[in-house]
Amino acid sequence: MMAIKKDYIFTNKKHPQRAILSTILGTISFVSIIMMLYFTFQEGGIARPRYGFSMLIAVLFSVTGLVLGILSRMEPDKFYFFSYLGLAINLMVLVSAGFILFVGAYGI
């Protein structure tokens, strides 16, 4: 009978806390923009000032998350899954916020 060879690879890599915070901030921003769009559609396209303020806060969170994602990606010997996820979510939020502002300004 042949012995089963078990190969274990032990590592001291961890997920950077900045990357996890970047993902959390991006998720909060994404959810707030989705909620703002939903409530605006529920009111027939009329956006209240508090929706604009929530968009501003979401963009600030997203910029902060983007910076944290970039900084976490630059850390050596770490897992980068949350860095890339945070970068993707925060970029998506910034692009969608820019698109919403563009559509609102030019009425497309």
N, C-alpha and C. Protein backbone atom coordinates (compact mmCIF):
# COMPACT_ATOMS: atom_id res chain seq x y z
N MET A 1 0.82 -1.18 0.00
CA MET A 1 0.00 0.00 0.00
C MET A 1 0.87 1.24 0.00
N MET A 2 0.39 2.18 -0.72
CA MET A 2 1.14 3.42 -0.86
C MET A 2 0.69 4.42 0.20
N ALA A 3 1.61 5.08 0.80
CA ALA A 3 1.27 6.10 1.80
C ALA A 3 0.80 7.37 1.10
N ILE A 4 -0.19 7.97 1.68
CA ILE A 4 -0.71 9.22 1.13
C ILE A 4 0.20 10.36 1.57
N LYS A 5 0.69 11.05 0.59
CA LYS A 5 1.59 12.16 0.88
C LYS A 5 0.76 13.42 1.12
N LYS A 6 0.97 14.02 2.25
CA LYS A 6 0.25 15.25 2.58
C LYS A 6 1.23 16.41 2.55
N ASP A 7 0.97 17.34 1.69
CA ASP A 7 1.82 18.53 1.59
C ASP A 7 1.08 19.71 2.20
N TYR A 8 1.62 20.24 3.24
CA TYR A 8 1.06 21.42 3.87
C TYR A 8 2.00 22.58 3.62
N ILE A 9 1.41 23.69 3.27
CA ILE A 9 2.20 24.89 3.08
C ILE A 9 1.75 25.88 4.15
N PHE A 10 2.66 26.18 5.03
CA PHE A 10 2.36 27.13 6.07
C PHE A 10 2.90 28.49 5.66
N THR A 11 2.13 29.50 5.91
CA THR A 11 2.54 30.84 5.54
C THR A 11 2.15 31.81 6.66
N ASN A 12 2.83 32.90 6.70
CA ASN A 12 2.49 33.92 7.66
C ASN A 12 1.81 35.12 7.00
N LYS A 13 1.33 34.91 5.78
CA LYS A 13 0.63 35.97 5.07
C LYS A 13 -0.73 36.21 5.73
N LYS A 14 -1.15 37.46 5.72
CA LYS A 14 -2.45 37.84 6.26
C LYS A 14 -3.10 38.81 5.29
N HIS A 15 -4.39 39.02 5.51
CA HIS A 15 -5.08 40.06 4.75
C HIS A 15 -4.81 41.40 5.43
N PRO A 16 -4.40 42.40 4.66
CA PRO A 16 -4.13 43.70 5.27
C PRO A 16 -5.42 44.33 5.81
N GLN A 17 -5.32 44.98 6.95
CA GLN A 17 -6.50 45.63 7.52
C GLN A 17 -6.96 46.78 6.66
N ARG A 18 -6.03 47.45 5.99
CA ARG A 18 -6.42 48.53 5.08
C ARG A 18 -7.28 48.00 3.94
N ALA A 19 -6.95 46.82 3.46
CA ALA A 19 -7.72 46.23 2.36
C ALA A 19 -9.13 45.88 2.81
N ILE A 20 -9.24 45.33 3.99
CA ILE A 20 -10.57 44.99 4.51
C ILE A 20 -11.38 46.25 4.73
N LEU A 21 -10.76 47.29 5.27
CA LEU A 21 -11.45 48.56 5.47
C LEU A 21 -11.84 49.18 4.14
N SER A 22 -10.99 49.04 3.13
CA SER A 22 -11.31 49.54 1.80
C SER A 22 -12.54 48.84 1.23
N THR A 23 -12.61 47.53 1.41
CA THR A 23 -13.77 46.78 0.93
C THR A 23 -15.03 47.18 1.68
N ILE A 24 -14.93 47.38 2.98
CA ILE A 24 -16.09 47.78 3.78
C ILE A 24 -16.57 49.17 3.37
N LEU A 25 -15.64 50.11 3.20
CA LEU A 25 -16.04 51.46 2.78
C LEU A 25 -16.66 51.44 1.38
N GLY A 26 -16.11 50.64 0.49
CA GLY A 26 -16.70 50.52 -0.85
C GLY A 26 -18.08 49.93 -0.82
N THR A 27 -18.28 48.93 0.03
CA THR A 27 -19.60 48.31 0.14
C THR A 27 -20.62 49.29 0.71
N ILE A 28 -20.23 50.04 1.73
CA ILE A 28 -21.13 51.04 2.30
C ILE A 28 -21.47 52.10 1.25
N SER A 29 -20.49 52.54 0.49
CA SER A 29 -20.73 53.53 -0.57
C SER A 29 -21.66 52.98 -1.65
N PHE A 30 -21.41 51.75 -2.05
CA PHE A 30 -22.23 51.13 -3.09
C PHE A 30 -23.68 50.98 -2.64
N VAL A 31 -23.87 50.51 -1.43
CA VAL A 31 -25.23 50.33 -0.91
C VAL A 31 -25.93 51.68 -0.77
N SER A 32 -25.23 52.70 -0.33
CA SER A 32 -25.87 54.01 -0.17
C SER A 32 -26.25 54.61 -1.52
N ILE A 33 -25.44 54.40 -2.55
CA ILE A 33 -25.80 54.91 -3.88
C ILE A 33 -27.01 54.15 -4.44
N ILE A 34 -27.03 52.84 -4.24
CA ILE A 34 -28.18 52.05 -4.70
C ILE A 34 -29.45 52.50 -3.98
N MET A 35 -29.35 52.72 -2.66
CA MET A 35 -30.52 53.18 -1.91
C MET A 35 -30.96 54.57 -2.36
N MET A 36 -29.99 55.45 -2.63
CA MET A 36 -30.32 56.79 -3.09
C MET A 36 -31.04 56.73 -4.44
N LEU A 37 -30.56 55.91 -5.34
CA LEU A 37 -31.23 55.76 -6.63
C LEU A 37 -32.63 55.17 -6.48
N TYR A 38 -32.77 54.20 -5.61
CA TYR A 38 -34.08 53.57 -5.39
C TYR A 38 -35.08 54.58 -4.84
N PHE A 39 -34.67 55.34 -3.83
CA PHE A 39 -35.59 56.31 -3.25
C PHE A 39 -35.90 57.45 -4.22
N THR A 40 -34.95 57.82 -5.07
CA THR A 40 -35.21 58.84 -6.07
C THR A 40 -36.23 58.35 -7.10
N PHE A 41 -36.10 57.10 -7.52
CA PHE A 41 -37.08 56.54 -8.45
C PHE A 41 -38.45 56.39 -7.79
N GLN A 42 -38.49 56.07 -6.52
CA GLN A 42 -39.77 55.95 -5.81
C GLN A 42 -40.49 57.29 -5.75
N GLU A 43 -39.75 58.39 -5.71
CA GLU A 43 -40.36 59.72 -5.62
C GLU A 43 -40.52 60.37 -6.99
N GLY A 44 -40.45 59.59 -8.03
CA GLY A 44 -40.71 60.09 -9.37
C GLY A 44 -39.56 60.89 -9.98
N GLY A 45 -38.34 60.64 -9.56
CA GLY A 45 -37.20 61.31 -10.14
C GLY A 45 -36.79 62.58 -9.42
N ILE A 46 -37.43 62.87 -8.32
CA ILE A 46 -37.09 64.08 -7.56
C ILE A 46 -36.10 63.69 -6.47
N ALA A 47 -34.91 64.24 -6.57
CA ALA A 47 -33.86 63.93 -5.60
C ALA A 47 -33.87 65.02 -4.52
N ARG A 48 -34.01 64.59 -3.30
CA ARG A 48 -33.99 65.53 -2.18
C ARG A 48 -32.54 65.88 -1.85
N PRO A 49 -32.35 66.99 -1.14
CA PRO A 49 -30.97 67.38 -0.78
C PRO A 49 -30.25 66.34 0.06
N ARG A 50 -30.96 65.60 0.87
CA ARG A 50 -30.29 64.58 1.68
C ARG A 50 -29.73 63.45 0.80
N TYR A 51 -30.33 63.22 -0.36
CA TYR A 51 -29.78 62.22 -1.27
C TYR A 51 -28.47 62.72 -1.87
N GLY A 52 -28.41 64.01 -2.16
CA GLY A 52 -27.17 64.58 -2.65
C GLY A 52 -26.07 64.53 -1.60
N PHE A 53 -26.46 64.77 -0.35
CA PHE A 53 -25.48 64.69 0.73
C PHE A 53 -24.99 63.25 0.91
N SER A 54 -25.90 62.29 0.78
CA SER A 54 -25.47 60.89 0.90
C SER A 54 -24.56 60.50 -0.27
N MET A 55 -24.78 61.08 -1.44
CA MET A 55 -23.89 60.85 -2.58
C MET A 55 -22.51 61.43 -2.29
N LEU A 56 -22.48 62.63 -1.70
CA LEU A 56 -21.20 63.25 -1.36
C LEU A 56 -20.44 62.40 -0.35
N ILE A 57 -21.13 61.92 0.67
CA ILE A 57 -20.49 61.08 1.69
C ILE A 57 -20.01 59.77 1.04
N ALA A 58 -20.82 59.20 0.14
CA ALA A 58 -20.43 57.96 -0.53
C ALA A 58 -19.18 58.17 -1.38
N VAL A 59 -19.09 59.30 -2.06
CA VAL A 59 -17.91 59.58 -2.87
C VAL A 59 -16.68 59.78 -1.98
N LEU A 60 -16.85 60.46 -0.85
CA LEU A 60 -15.72 60.62 0.08
C LEU A 60 -15.27 59.28 0.64
N PHE A 61 -16.23 58.43 1.01
CA PHE A 61 -15.90 57.08 1.48
C PHE A 61 -15.17 56.31 0.39
N SER A 62 -15.64 56.47 -0.83
CA SER A 62 -15.06 55.71 -1.94
C SER A 62 -13.63 56.18 -2.25
N VAL A 63 -13.40 57.47 -2.19
CA VAL A 63 -12.04 57.97 -2.42
C VAL A 63 -11.12 57.48 -1.31
N THR A 64 -11.61 57.52 -0.07
CA THR A 64 -10.82 57.00 1.05
C THR A 64 -10.55 55.51 0.88
N GLY A 65 -11.57 54.76 0.47
CA GLY A 65 -11.40 53.33 0.24
C GLY A 65 -10.43 53.04 -0.89
N LEU A 66 -10.46 53.88 -1.92
CA LEU A 66 -9.53 53.71 -3.04
C LEU A 66 -8.09 53.93 -2.58
N VAL A 67 -7.86 54.96 -1.79
CA VAL A 67 -6.51 55.22 -1.28
C VAL A 67 -6.06 54.07 -0.37
N LEU A 68 -6.96 53.60 0.49
CA LEU A 68 -6.60 52.48 1.37
C LEU A 68 -6.32 51.21 0.57
N GLY A 69 -7.08 50.98 -0.50
CA GLY A 69 -6.86 49.82 -1.35
C GLY A 69 -5.51 49.88 -2.04
N ILE A 70 -5.14 51.06 -2.51
CA ILE A 70 -3.83 51.21 -3.15
C ILE A 70 -2.71 51.01 -2.14
N LEU A 71 -2.86 51.60 -0.96
CA LEU A 71 -1.83 51.44 0.07
C LEU A 71 -1.70 49.99 0.53
N SER A 72 -2.84 49.29 0.62
CA SER A 72 -2.78 47.89 1.04
C SER A 72 -2.17 47.01 -0.04
N ARG A 73 -2.34 47.37 -1.28
CA ARG A 73 -1.75 46.59 -2.37
C ARG A 73 -0.24 46.74 -2.40
N MET A 74 0.25 47.83 -1.88
CA MET A 74 1.70 48.08 -1.88
C MET A 74 2.41 47.37 -0.73
N GLU A 75 1.68 46.78 0.20
CA GLU A 75 2.31 46.06 1.31
C GLU A 75 2.86 44.73 0.80
N PRO A 76 4.10 44.40 1.17
CA PRO A 76 4.68 43.14 0.68
C PRO A 76 4.21 41.94 1.50
N ASP A 77 4.22 40.77 0.88
CA ASP A 77 3.92 39.49 1.51
C ASP A 77 2.57 39.47 2.21
N LYS A 78 1.55 39.89 1.50
CA LYS A 78 0.18 39.86 2.03
C LYS A 78 -0.71 39.20 0.99
N PHE A 79 -1.89 38.80 1.42
CA PHE A 79 -2.92 38.36 0.48
C PHE A 79 -3.58 39.61 -0.10
N TYR A 80 -3.83 39.60 -1.39
CA TYR A 80 -4.31 40.80 -2.05
C TYR A 80 -5.75 40.71 -2.53
N PHE A 81 -6.49 39.71 -2.10
CA PHE A 81 -7.87 39.56 -2.56
C PHE A 81 -8.71 40.77 -2.17
N PHE A 82 -8.67 41.16 -0.90
CA PHE A 82 -9.48 42.28 -0.45
C PHE A 82 -8.96 43.61 -1.00
N SER A 83 -7.67 43.67 -1.30
CA SER A 83 -7.14 44.88 -1.94
C SER A 83 -7.78 45.08 -3.31
N TYR A 84 -7.78 44.03 -4.10
CA TYR A 84 -8.37 44.12 -5.43
C TYR A 84 -9.88 44.30 -5.37
N LEU A 85 -10.53 43.62 -4.44
CA LEU A 85 -11.98 43.76 -4.30
C LEU A 85 -12.34 45.18 -3.88
N GLY A 86 -11.62 45.73 -2.92
CA GLY A 86 -11.86 47.11 -2.49
C GLY A 86 -11.62 48.11 -3.60
N LEU A 87 -10.54 47.90 -4.36
CA LEU A 87 -10.25 48.78 -5.49
C LEU A 87 -11.37 48.72 -6.53
N ALA A 88 -11.83 47.53 -6.83
CA ALA A 88 -12.88 47.37 -7.85
C ALA A 88 -14.19 48.02 -7.40
N ILE A 89 -14.59 47.78 -6.17
CA ILE A 89 -15.85 48.34 -5.68
C ILE A 89 -15.77 49.86 -5.63
N ASN A 90 -14.67 50.39 -5.11
CA ASN A 90 -14.55 51.84 -4.99
C ASN A 90 -14.46 52.51 -6.35
N LEU A 91 -13.77 51.91 -7.30
CA LEU A 91 -13.75 52.47 -8.66
C LEU A 91 -15.13 52.43 -9.29
N MET A 92 -15.86 51.35 -9.06
CA MET A 92 -17.21 51.24 -9.59
C MET A 92 -18.12 52.32 -9.00
N VAL A 93 -17.97 52.59 -7.71
CA VAL A 93 -18.77 53.63 -7.07
C VAL A 93 -18.42 55.00 -7.63
N LEU A 94 -17.13 55.28 -7.81
CA LEU A 94 -16.74 56.58 -8.35
C LEU A 94 -17.22 56.77 -9.79
N VAL A 95 -17.11 55.72 -10.59
CA VAL A 95 -17.58 55.82 -11.98
C VAL A 95 -19.10 56.00 -12.02
N SER A 96 -19.83 55.26 -11.19
CA SER A 96 -21.28 55.39 -11.19
C SER A 96 -21.71 56.75 -10.65
N ALA A 97 -21.02 57.28 -9.65
CA ALA A 97 -21.35 58.62 -9.15
C ALA A 97 -21.07 59.67 -10.22
N GLY A 98 -19.98 59.53 -10.92
CA GLY A 98 -19.70 60.45 -12.02
C GLY A 98 -20.74 60.35 -13.13
N PHE A 99 -21.17 59.13 -13.42
CA PHE A 99 -22.21 58.95 -14.44
C PHE A 99 -23.52 59.57 -14.00
N ILE A 100 -23.89 59.40 -12.73
CA ILE A 100 -25.13 59.99 -12.22
C ILE A 100 -25.07 61.50 -12.29
N LEU A 101 -23.94 62.08 -11.93
CA LEU A 101 -23.80 63.54 -12.03
C LEU A 101 -23.82 64.00 -13.48
N PHE A 102 -23.21 63.25 -14.38
CA PHE A 102 -23.22 63.60 -15.81
C PHE A 102 -24.64 63.56 -16.36
N VAL A 103 -25.37 62.51 -16.03
CA VAL A 103 -26.75 62.39 -16.51
C VAL A 103 -27.62 63.50 -15.92
N GLY A 104 -27.39 63.81 -14.65
CA GLY A 104 -28.17 64.89 -14.03
C GLY A 104 -27.86 66.25 -14.62
N ALA A 105 -26.63 66.48 -15.03
CA ALA A 105 -26.24 67.79 -15.58
C ALA A 105 -26.70 67.97 -17.02
N TYR A 106 -26.60 66.90 -17.82
CA TYR A 106 -26.91 67.02 -19.24
C TYR A 106 -28.24 66.41 -19.63
N GLY A 107 -28.94 65.78 -18.71
CA GLY A 107 -30.30 65.29 -18.97
C GLY A 107 -30.39 64.19 -20.01
N ILE A 108 -29.43 63.31 -20.03
CA ILE A 108 -29.46 62.22 -21.01
C ILE A 108 -30.47 61.19 -20.62
